[in-house]
Amino acid sequence: MSFWRKIAGLAARRPDFADCPDCPPGMPGEDPAFSTAVTALGAKLAKADGKARDIEYETFAEVFHPEGRSAQDVRRFYEFARQTTRGFESYARRLAKRYAGCPQILEDVLDGLFHIATSDGTVTDDEMAYLERVSDLFAMSPLAFRRLKATHLGLAEDDPYAILETPHDAPDEELRAAWKRALVEAHPDRARARGLPAEFIALAEAKAAAINAAFDAAMRERRALAPAGAA
């Protein structure tokens, strides 16, 4: 599904979405400032690893799908913008300010940028730094960024959220419920009750310890990310 169709779908399901009082009226695709900023961010991301490739523009067009009559103008501006990464922060700030009241739009833009970054089969450190900076300028939470990153690049085996099988930005209550559920399923007493050998009980104990460690690590990270003075 293209980016523009996704935005249109959101608007259709939520009649007030496109009429957000804090955002420009109408659909984002009809807003020249939005289209310009998105094109520049996609183009400059393509240059972040030092070499802009045609596959990245093809992916950009696939994701953000410029309208037919404007496609040539978009391609021309894209080619100009991808000469350097300089200035990308200005476009990100402009977009963040214009759509501050509609964070889902900003997340969808970053989601599309991730798709562009992965189009050549790898995401370099420079590209990841670019994406992280855009996320910061969009005022996205680090946990929401990690969720998007995991969606496109997969979870590390030692990621606590992989162990708990929970999205990175799930509410604390959902995270706690997942921890308890996993702990009940892995509790060594269940192995003992089934009369399993000591080796199985030891494995259950190790799994339970890993689940507890994952929950503790996730909660420590959340406390560290909480604003100063938050409970």
Protein backbone atom coordinates (compact mmCIF):
# COMPACT_ATOMS: atom_id res chain seq x y z
CA MET A 1 0.00 0.00 0.00
CA SER A 2 1.39 3.41 -0.94
CA PHE A 3 1.93 6.12 1.65
CA TRP A 4 -0.74 8.37 0.17
CA ARG A 5 -3.32 5.58 0.08
CA LYS A 6 -2.53 4.77 3.68
CA ILE A 7 -3.09 8.39 4.69
CA ALA A 8 -6.35 8.46 2.75
CA GLY A 9 -7.43 5.26 4.48
CA LEU A 10 -6.79 6.75 7.88
CA ALA A 11 -8.83 9.79 6.98
CA ALA A 12 -11.70 7.63 5.74
CA ARG A 13 -11.82 5.66 8.98
CA ARG A 14 -11.52 8.78 11.15
CA PRO A 15 -13.57 11.65 9.72
CA ASP A 16 -11.85 14.16 11.97
CA PHE A 17 -8.33 13.07 10.97
CA ALA A 18 -7.93 15.39 8.00
CA ASP A 19 -9.66 18.21 9.86
CA CYS A 20 -7.24 18.22 12.79
CA PRO A 21 -7.42 21.82 14.10
CA ASP A 22 -3.68 21.81 14.76
CA CYS A 23 -2.72 20.71 11.24
CA PRO A 24 -3.13 22.31 7.81
CA PRO A 25 -6.57 21.59 6.30
CA GLY A 26 -7.00 18.87 3.72
CA MET A 27 -4.91 15.81 2.99
CA PRO A 28 -1.11 15.95 3.44
CA GLY A 29 -0.56 15.03 -0.20
CA GLU A 30 -2.35 18.23 -1.21
CA ASP A 31 -0.03 20.34 0.94
CA PRO A 32 2.98 21.53 -1.14
CA ALA A 33 5.06 22.13 1.99
CA PHE A 34 4.46 18.54 3.09
CA SER A 35 5.31 17.08 -0.31
CA THR A 36 8.48 19.17 -0.56
CA ALA A 37 9.69 18.20 2.91
CA VAL A 38 8.98 14.51 2.39
CA THR A 39 10.75 14.51 -0.98
CA ALA A 40 13.80 16.26 0.49
CA LEU A 41 13.99 13.88 3.45
CA GLY A 42 13.78 10.84 1.20
CA ALA A 43 16.40 12.22 -1.20
CA LYS A 44 18.86 13.26 1.49
CA LEU A 45 18.48 9.91 3.25
CA ALA A 46 19.55 8.27 -0.02
CA LYS A 47 22.78 10.28 0.18
CA ALA A 48 23.41 9.52 3.87
CA ASP A 49 25.52 6.43 3.11
CA GLY A 50 27.64 8.42 0.66
CA LYS A 51 26.09 7.17 -2.58
CA ALA A 52 22.56 7.80 -3.82
CA ARG A 53 21.23 4.89 -5.90
CA ASP A 54 18.39 4.63 -8.39
CA ILE A 55 16.80 1.85 -6.33
CA GLU A 56 16.30 4.35 -3.54
CA TYR A 57 14.33 6.71 -5.76
CA GLU A 58 12.29 3.79 -7.06
CA THR A 59 11.51 2.85 -3.47
CA PHE A 60 10.72 6.47 -2.62
CA ALA A 61 8.24 6.62 -5.52
CA GLU A 62 6.77 3.27 -4.50
CA VAL A 63 6.25 4.38 -0.89
CA PHE A 64 5.29 8.03 -1.27
CA HIS A 65 3.79 7.66 -4.77
CA PRO A 66 3.97 11.16 -6.33
CA GLU A 67 0.84 12.12 -8.28
CA GLY A 68 1.10 11.54 -12.03
CA ARG A 69 1.14 15.16 -13.18
CA SER A 70 3.66 16.21 -10.54
CA ALA A 71 5.92 13.15 -10.82
CA GLN A 72 8.42 14.88 -13.10
CA ASP A 73 8.69 17.91 -10.80
CA VAL A 74 9.12 15.62 -7.81
CA ARG A 75 11.88 13.66 -9.58
CA ARG A 76 13.65 16.89 -10.52
CA PHE A 77 13.55 18.19 -6.96
CA TYR A 78 14.59 14.78 -5.61
CA GLU A 79 17.66 14.74 -7.88
CA PHE A 80 18.61 18.22 -6.69
CA ALA A 81 18.03 17.47 -3.01
CA ARG A 82 20.00 14.21 -2.98
CA GLN A 83 23.27 15.93 -3.88
CA THR A 84 23.93 16.40 -0.15
CA THR A 85 22.46 15.54 3.23
CA ARG A 86 22.87 19.13 4.36
CA GLY A 87 19.62 20.82 5.25
CA PHE A 88 17.65 17.67 6.12
CA GLU A 89 17.14 18.83 9.70
CA SER A 90 15.46 22.02 8.49
CA TYR A 91 12.95 19.99 6.46
CA ALA A 92 12.32 17.65 9.39
CA ARG A 93 11.74 20.58 11.75
CA ARG A 94 9.38 22.22 9.26
CA LEU A 95 7.38 19.01 8.92
CA ALA A 96 7.33 18.41 12.67
CA LYS A 97 6.03 21.92 13.34
CA ARG A 98 3.40 21.76 10.62
CA TYR A 99 2.05 18.36 11.71
CA ALA A 100 2.79 18.42 15.45
CA GLY A 101 -0.88 17.75 16.18
CA CYS A 102 -0.96 14.66 13.95
CA PRO A 103 1.89 12.42 15.18
CA GLN A 104 0.62 9.42 13.19
CA ILE A 105 1.44 11.25 9.96
CA LEU A 106 4.98 11.90 11.18
CA GLU A 107 5.36 8.25 12.16
CA ASP A 108 4.16 7.18 8.72
CA VAL A 109 6.78 9.44 7.13
CA LEU A 110 9.53 7.87 9.24
CA ASP A 111 8.16 4.42 8.42
CA GLY A 112 8.52 5.28 4.73
CA LEU A 113 12.07 6.53 5.27
CA PHE A 114 12.97 3.22 6.93
CA HIS A 115 11.63 1.45 3.85
CA ILE A 116 13.91 3.56 1.64
CA ALA A 117 16.92 2.92 3.87
CA THR A 118 16.46 -0.86 3.63
CA SER A 119 15.83 -0.87 -0.12
CA ASP A 120 19.46 -1.69 -1.03
CA GLY A 121 19.63 -4.56 1.45
CA THR A 122 21.55 -2.86 4.25
CA VAL A 123 21.24 0.10 6.61
CA THR A 124 24.53 1.83 7.34
CA ASP A 125 25.44 3.56 10.58
CA ASP A 126 25.12 6.92 8.82
CA GLU A 127 21.63 6.07 7.59
CA MET A 128 20.61 4.92 11.08
CA ALA A 129 21.97 8.15 12.59
CA TYR A 130 19.93 10.10 10.00
CA LEU A 131 16.75 8.19 10.89
CA GLU A 132 17.33 8.65 14.61
CA ARG A 133 17.83 12.38 14.15
CA VAL A 134 14.62 12.71 12.14
CA SER A 135 12.82 10.76 14.86
CA ASP A 136 14.17 13.15 17.49
CA LEU A 137 13.10 16.19 15.48
CA PHE A 138 9.64 14.62 15.06
CA ALA A 139 9.53 14.35 18.90
CA MET A 140 8.93 10.60 18.68
CA SER A 141 9.67 8.57 21.78
CA PRO A 142 12.80 6.39 21.67
CA LEU A 143 10.58 3.36 22.26
CA ALA A 144 8.41 4.19 19.24
CA PHE A 145 11.58 4.53 17.16
CA ARG A 146 12.76 1.12 18.38
CA ARG A 147 9.42 -0.38 17.38
CA LEU A 148 9.78 0.96 13.83
CA LYS A 149 13.40 -0.16 13.69
CA ALA A 150 12.43 -3.67 14.79
CA THR A 151 9.63 -3.74 12.21
CA HIS A 152 12.09 -3.16 9.38
CA LEU A 153 15.28 -4.75 10.71
CA GLY A 154 14.05 -7.38 13.16
CA LEU A 155 14.62 -7.78 16.86
CA ALA A 156 17.94 -8.63 18.44
CA GLU A 157 17.81 -11.95 20.27
CA ASP A 158 18.70 -10.26 23.56
CA ASP A 159 16.14 -7.45 23.15
CA PRO A 160 13.94 -7.64 26.28
CA TYR A 161 10.88 -6.88 24.18
CA ALA A 162 11.63 -9.89 21.99
CA ILE A 163 11.70 -12.11 25.06
CA LEU A 164 8.43 -10.63 26.35
CA GLU A 165 6.89 -10.59 22.83
CA THR A 166 5.63 -7.03 23.36
CA PRO A 167 5.93 -3.86 21.23
CA HIS A 168 8.58 -1.46 22.46
CA ASP A 169 6.10 1.34 23.13
CA ALA A 170 3.35 -0.80 24.67
CA PRO A 171 1.86 0.75 27.84
CA ASP A 172 3.45 -0.29 31.14
CA GLU A 173 0.31 -2.26 32.03
CA GLU A 174 0.55 -4.29 28.83
CA LEU A 175 4.24 -4.94 29.39
CA ARG A 176 3.58 -6.07 32.96
CA ALA A 177 0.75 -8.37 31.82
CA ALA A 178 3.02 -9.95 29.19
CA TRP A 179 5.72 -10.50 31.81
CA LYS A 180 3.29 -12.22 34.18
CA ARG A 181 1.82 -14.34 31.40
CA ALA A 182 5.25 -15.48 30.20
CA LEU A 183 6.35 -16.19 33.75
CA VAL A 184 3.31 -18.36 34.45
CA GLU A 185 3.95 -20.39 31.29
CA ALA A 186 7.65 -20.86 32.07
CA HIS A 187 7.47 -21.28 35.86
CA PRO A 188 9.60 -24.22 37.09
CA ASP A 189 6.74 -25.41 39.33
CA ARG A 190 4.82 -26.42 36.21
CA ALA A 191 7.71 -28.66 35.19
CA ARG A 192 7.86 -30.13 38.67
CA ALA A 193 4.10 -30.72 38.71
CA ARG A 194 4.41 -32.72 35.48
CA GLY A 195 7.16 -34.84 37.01
CA LEU A 196 9.75 -33.78 34.45
CA PRO A 197 13.45 -34.60 34.99
CA ALA A 198 15.79 -32.18 36.75
CA GLU A 199 17.23 -31.05 33.41
CA PHE A 200 13.84 -29.73 32.29
CA ILE A 201 13.34 -27.99 35.63
CA ALA A 202 16.72 -26.32 35.25
CA LEU A 203 15.77 -25.11 31.77
CA ALA A 204 12.48 -23.73 33.11
CA GLU A 205 14.35 -21.92 35.88
CA ALA A 206 16.74 -20.38 33.33
CA LYS A 207 13.84 -19.28 31.13
CA ALA A 208 12.01 -17.75 34.09
CA ALA A 209 15.19 -15.90 35.09
CA ALA A 210 15.53 -14.57 31.52
CA ILE A 211 11.92 -13.37 31.55
CA ASN A 212 12.42 -11.59 34.88
CA ALA A 213 15.67 -10.04 33.64
CA ALA A 214 13.97 -8.84 30.45
CA PHE A 215 11.14 -7.21 32.39
CA ASP A 216 13.59 -5.55 34.80
CA ALA A 217 15.70 -4.26 31.88
CA ALA A 218 12.66 -2.87 30.06
CA MET A 219 11.38 -1.12 33.17
CA ARG A 220 14.82 0.35 33.96
CA GLU A 221 15.00 1.75 30.45
CA ARG A 222 11.52 3.24 30.75
CA ARG A 223 12.38 4.90 34.05
CA ALA A 224 15.55 6.32 32.49
CA LEU A 225 13.54 7.71 29.56
CA ALA A 226 10.81 9.19 31.75
CA PRO A 227 10.80 13.01 32.00
CA ALA A 228 12.39 14.46 35.11
CA GLY A 229 9.91 14.56 37.97
CA ALA A 230 7.63 11.90 36.45
CA ALA A 231 6.35 9.23 38.80
